[in-house]
Amino acid sequence: MLRCGAWARRFRLEGNTAIIHGVAKLTAAPVMATDLRASASLVLAGLVAEGRTDVERIYHIDRGYEAIEEKLAQLGAQIRRVPN
């Protein structure tokens, strides 16, 4: 997320709630998935970022989200798998 322009220190905790101050826009960047939830977060960040975001190691996504690119395409997302 930092590569896309997000700030890691712009949040605070209030009890069980995290208050996060976002940035005006994210920019595309090559990113690498490290686990299931982080992978999904990177895909969503890539969808709202300006430009093309490539997510490496998508096998993490496949472990927990069946046909995620098809489901997100129903919402207007443009996602495609490319061979390594």
N, C-alpha and C. Protein backbone atom coordinates (compact mmCIF):
# COMPACT_ATOMS: atom_id res chain seq x y z
N MET A 1 0.83 -1.18 0.00
CA MET A 1 0.00 0.00 0.00
C MET A 1 0.87 1.25 0.00
N LEU A 2 2.01 1.19 0.67
CA LEU A 2 2.90 2.34 0.69
C LEU A 2 3.38 2.67 -0.72
N ARG A 3 3.63 1.65 -1.53
CA ARG A 3 4.06 1.89 -2.91
C ARG A 3 3.00 2.62 -3.72
N CYS A 4 1.76 2.45 -3.34
CA CYS A 4 0.65 3.10 -4.05
C CYS A 4 0.36 4.50 -3.52
N GLY A 5 1.08 4.93 -2.52
CA GLY A 5 0.91 6.28 -2.00
C GLY A 5 0.18 6.39 -0.68
N ALA A 6 -0.18 5.27 -0.07
CA ALA A 6 -0.86 5.31 1.23
C ALA A 6 0.15 5.66 2.33
N TRP A 7 -0.32 6.27 3.38
CA TRP A 7 0.53 6.63 4.51
C TRP A 7 0.29 5.66 5.65
N ALA A 8 1.34 5.07 6.18
CA ALA A 8 1.20 4.07 7.24
C ALA A 8 0.97 4.70 8.61
N ARG A 9 1.30 5.96 8.81
CA ARG A 9 1.23 6.55 10.14
C ARG A 9 0.04 7.48 10.32
N ARG A 10 -0.89 7.46 9.42
CA ARG A 10 -2.02 8.37 9.52
C ARG A 10 -3.26 7.65 10.05
N PHE A 11 -3.10 7.01 11.17
CA PHE A 11 -4.24 6.35 11.79
C PHE A 11 -4.08 6.39 13.31
N ARG A 12 -5.18 6.15 13.99
CA ARG A 12 -5.13 6.05 15.45
C ARG A 12 -6.17 5.03 15.88
N LEU A 13 -5.96 4.48 17.06
CA LEU A 13 -6.89 3.49 17.60
C LEU A 13 -7.74 4.15 18.68
N GLU A 14 -9.03 3.85 18.63
CA GLU A 14 -9.97 4.28 19.67
C GLU A 14 -10.75 3.05 20.10
N GLY A 15 -10.31 2.43 21.18
CA GLY A 15 -10.94 1.18 21.61
C GLY A 15 -10.69 0.10 20.59
N ASN A 16 -11.77 -0.48 20.07
CA ASN A 16 -11.67 -1.53 19.06
C ASN A 16 -11.80 -1.00 17.65
N THR A 17 -11.67 0.31 17.47
CA THR A 17 -11.86 0.94 16.17
C THR A 17 -10.57 1.61 15.71
N ALA A 18 -10.21 1.41 14.45
CA ALA A 18 -9.07 2.10 13.85
C ALA A 18 -9.61 3.26 13.01
N ILE A 19 -9.16 4.47 13.30
CA ILE A 19 -9.52 5.65 12.53
C ILE A 19 -8.39 5.91 11.55
N ILE A 20 -8.68 5.82 10.25
CA ILE A 20 -7.66 5.93 9.22
C ILE A 20 -7.92 7.17 8.38
N HIS A 21 -6.91 7.99 8.20
CA HIS A 21 -7.00 9.18 7.36
C HIS A 21 -6.41 8.81 6.00
N GLY A 22 -7.24 8.76 4.99
CA GLY A 22 -6.81 8.35 3.67
C GLY A 22 -6.12 9.45 2.90
N VAL A 23 -5.63 9.10 1.73
CA VAL A 23 -5.01 10.05 0.83
C VAL A 23 -5.98 10.36 -0.29
N ALA A 24 -5.75 11.44 -1.01
CA ALA A 24 -6.66 11.86 -2.07
C ALA A 24 -6.72 10.84 -3.21
N LYS A 25 -5.58 10.23 -3.52
CA LYS A 25 -5.58 9.22 -4.59
C LYS A 25 -4.42 8.26 -4.39
N LEU A 26 -4.57 7.07 -4.93
CA LEU A 26 -3.50 6.08 -4.96
C LEU A 26 -2.95 6.03 -6.38
N THR A 27 -1.69 5.69 -6.51
CA THR A 27 -1.09 5.55 -7.83
C THR A 27 -0.69 4.09 -8.04
N ALA A 28 -0.71 3.67 -9.29
CA ALA A 28 -0.40 2.29 -9.63
C ALA A 28 1.05 1.96 -9.28
N ALA A 29 1.29 0.72 -8.94
CA ALA A 29 2.64 0.25 -8.61
C ALA A 29 2.67 -1.27 -8.69
N PRO A 30 3.83 -1.86 -8.97
CA PRO A 30 3.93 -3.31 -8.88
C PRO A 30 3.94 -3.71 -7.40
N VAL A 31 3.13 -4.69 -7.04
CA VAL A 31 3.03 -5.13 -5.65
C VAL A 31 3.09 -6.65 -5.58
N MET A 32 3.41 -7.17 -4.39
CA MET A 32 3.51 -8.61 -4.20
C MET A 32 2.61 -9.05 -3.06
N ALA A 33 1.73 -10.00 -3.34
CA ALA A 33 0.82 -10.53 -2.33
C ALA A 33 1.60 -11.42 -1.37
N THR A 34 1.29 -11.28 -0.07
CA THR A 34 1.99 -12.09 0.93
C THR A 34 1.08 -13.04 1.68
N ASP A 35 -0.22 -12.77 1.70
CA ASP A 35 -1.18 -13.68 2.31
C ASP A 35 -2.56 -13.38 1.73
N LEU A 36 -3.54 -14.12 2.19
CA LEU A 36 -4.88 -14.03 1.60
C LEU A 36 -5.50 -12.65 1.72
N ARG A 37 -5.60 -12.13 2.93
CA ARG A 37 -6.26 -10.83 3.12
C ARG A 37 -5.46 -9.68 2.53
N ALA A 38 -4.15 -9.73 2.66
CA ALA A 38 -3.32 -8.68 2.06
C ALA A 38 -3.47 -8.69 0.55
N SER A 39 -3.59 -9.87 -0.03
CA SER A 39 -3.75 -9.98 -1.48
C SER A 39 -5.03 -9.31 -1.94
N ALA A 40 -6.12 -9.58 -1.24
CA ALA A 40 -7.40 -8.96 -1.59
C ALA A 40 -7.32 -7.44 -1.44
N SER A 41 -6.65 -6.98 -0.41
CA SER A 41 -6.49 -5.54 -0.20
C SER A 41 -5.70 -4.90 -1.34
N LEU A 42 -4.67 -5.58 -1.80
CA LEU A 42 -3.87 -5.05 -2.91
C LEU A 42 -4.67 -4.99 -4.20
N VAL A 43 -5.51 -5.98 -4.43
CA VAL A 43 -6.36 -5.96 -5.62
C VAL A 43 -7.31 -4.77 -5.55
N LEU A 44 -7.95 -4.57 -4.41
CA LEU A 44 -8.88 -3.44 -4.27
C LEU A 44 -8.14 -2.11 -4.40
N ALA A 45 -6.97 -1.99 -3.81
CA ALA A 45 -6.19 -0.76 -3.94
C ALA A 45 -5.81 -0.52 -5.40
N GLY A 46 -5.45 -1.59 -6.09
CA GLY A 46 -5.10 -1.48 -7.51
C GLY A 46 -6.26 -1.02 -8.36
N LEU A 47 -7.47 -1.42 -7.98
CA LEU A 47 -8.65 -1.02 -8.74
C LEU A 47 -8.94 0.46 -8.62
N VAL A 48 -8.66 1.05 -7.49
CA VAL A 48 -8.93 2.48 -7.31
C VAL A 48 -7.73 3.35 -7.66
N ALA A 49 -6.56 2.75 -7.83
CA ALA A 49 -5.35 3.51 -8.15
C ALA A 49 -5.41 4.00 -9.59
N GLU A 50 -4.73 5.12 -9.83
CA GLU A 50 -4.60 5.64 -11.19
C GLU A 50 -3.47 4.89 -11.88
N GLY A 51 -3.77 4.27 -13.01
CA GLY A 51 -2.77 3.51 -13.76
C GLY A 51 -2.96 2.01 -13.59
N ARG A 52 -1.96 1.27 -14.02
CA ARG A 52 -2.02 -0.20 -13.99
C ARG A 52 -1.23 -0.73 -12.80
N THR A 53 -1.86 -1.58 -12.02
CA THR A 53 -1.21 -2.23 -10.89
C THR A 53 -1.08 -3.72 -11.19
N ASP A 54 0.12 -4.25 -11.07
CA ASP A 54 0.37 -5.68 -11.25
C ASP A 54 0.56 -6.30 -9.87
N VAL A 55 -0.22 -7.36 -9.59
CA VAL A 55 -0.14 -8.06 -8.31
C VAL A 55 0.55 -9.40 -8.56
N GLU A 56 1.71 -9.60 -7.97
CA GLU A 56 2.45 -10.85 -8.10
C GLU A 56 2.02 -11.83 -7.01
N ARG A 57 2.29 -13.11 -7.23
CA ARG A 57 2.00 -14.19 -6.27
C ARG A 57 0.51 -14.27 -5.94
N ILE A 58 -0.31 -14.30 -6.98
CA ILE A 58 -1.76 -14.31 -6.77
C ILE A 58 -2.30 -15.66 -6.30
N TYR A 59 -1.45 -16.64 -6.16
CA TYR A 59 -1.93 -17.92 -5.65
C TYR A 59 -2.54 -17.77 -4.26
N HIS A 60 -2.12 -16.75 -3.53
CA HIS A 60 -2.75 -16.48 -2.23
C HIS A 60 -4.23 -16.14 -2.41
N ILE A 61 -4.53 -15.34 -3.40
CA ILE A 61 -5.92 -14.95 -3.67
C ILE A 61 -6.74 -16.17 -4.06
N ASP A 62 -6.17 -17.00 -4.92
CA ASP A 62 -6.88 -18.19 -5.40
C ASP A 62 -7.22 -19.15 -4.27
N ARG A 63 -6.42 -19.14 -3.22
CA ARG A 63 -6.68 -20.03 -2.08
C ARG A 63 -7.99 -19.69 -1.37
N GLY A 64 -8.37 -18.44 -1.38
CA GLY A 64 -9.54 -18.05 -0.60
C GLY A 64 -10.68 -17.42 -1.36
N TYR A 65 -10.43 -17.00 -2.61
CA TYR A 65 -11.47 -16.33 -3.38
C TYR A 65 -11.59 -16.98 -4.75
N GLU A 66 -12.64 -17.74 -4.94
CA GLU A 66 -12.83 -18.43 -6.21
C GLU A 66 -13.28 -17.43 -7.27
N ALA A 67 -12.57 -17.40 -8.39
CA ALA A 67 -12.90 -16.55 -9.54
C ALA A 67 -13.13 -15.09 -9.14
N ILE A 68 -12.23 -14.53 -8.36
CA ILE A 68 -12.40 -13.17 -7.87
C ILE A 68 -12.46 -12.16 -9.02
N GLU A 69 -11.69 -12.39 -10.09
CA GLU A 69 -11.70 -11.44 -11.20
C GLU A 69 -13.06 -11.41 -11.90
N GLU A 70 -13.75 -12.55 -11.96
CA GLU A 70 -15.07 -12.60 -12.57
C GLU A 70 -16.10 -11.89 -11.69
N LYS A 71 -16.01 -12.09 -10.40
CA LYS A 71 -16.95 -11.44 -9.48
C LYS A 71 -16.77 -9.93 -9.48
N LEU A 72 -15.52 -9.49 -9.46
CA LEU A 72 -15.28 -8.05 -9.46
C LEU A 72 -15.61 -7.43 -10.82
N ALA A 73 -15.49 -8.21 -11.90
CA ALA A 73 -15.87 -7.72 -13.23
C ALA A 73 -17.36 -7.39 -13.28
N GLN A 74 -18.16 -8.11 -12.52
CA GLN A 74 -19.60 -7.83 -12.46
C GLN A 74 -19.88 -6.46 -11.86
N LEU A 75 -18.89 -5.93 -11.13
CA LEU A 75 -19.01 -4.59 -10.53
C LEU A 75 -18.32 -3.53 -11.38
N GLY A 76 -17.77 -3.95 -12.54
CA GLY A 76 -17.12 -3.00 -13.43
C GLY A 76 -15.61 -3.03 -13.40
N ALA A 77 -15.02 -3.92 -12.63
CA ALA A 77 -13.55 -4.00 -12.54
C ALA A 77 -12.97 -4.57 -13.84
N GLN A 78 -11.78 -4.09 -14.19
CA GLN A 78 -11.05 -4.64 -15.33
C GLN A 78 -9.81 -5.33 -14.79
N ILE A 79 -9.93 -6.65 -14.68
CA ILE A 79 -8.84 -7.47 -14.14
C ILE A 79 -8.55 -8.58 -15.14
N ARG A 80 -7.27 -8.82 -15.37
CA ARG A 80 -6.93 -9.97 -16.22
C ARG A 80 -5.68 -10.64 -15.67
N ARG A 81 -5.67 -11.94 -15.84
CA ARG A 81 -4.51 -12.74 -15.42
C ARG A 81 -3.54 -12.78 -16.59
N VAL A 82 -2.27 -12.61 -16.28
CA VAL A 82 -1.24 -12.69 -17.30
C VAL A 82 -0.23 -13.74 -16.90
N PRO A 83 0.32 -14.48 -17.87
CA PRO A 83 1.32 -15.50 -17.52
C PRO A 83 2.61 -14.83 -17.05
N ASN A 84 3.34 -15.53 -16.19
CA ASN A 84 4.62 -15.00 -15.68
C ASN A 84 5.66 -14.98 -16.77
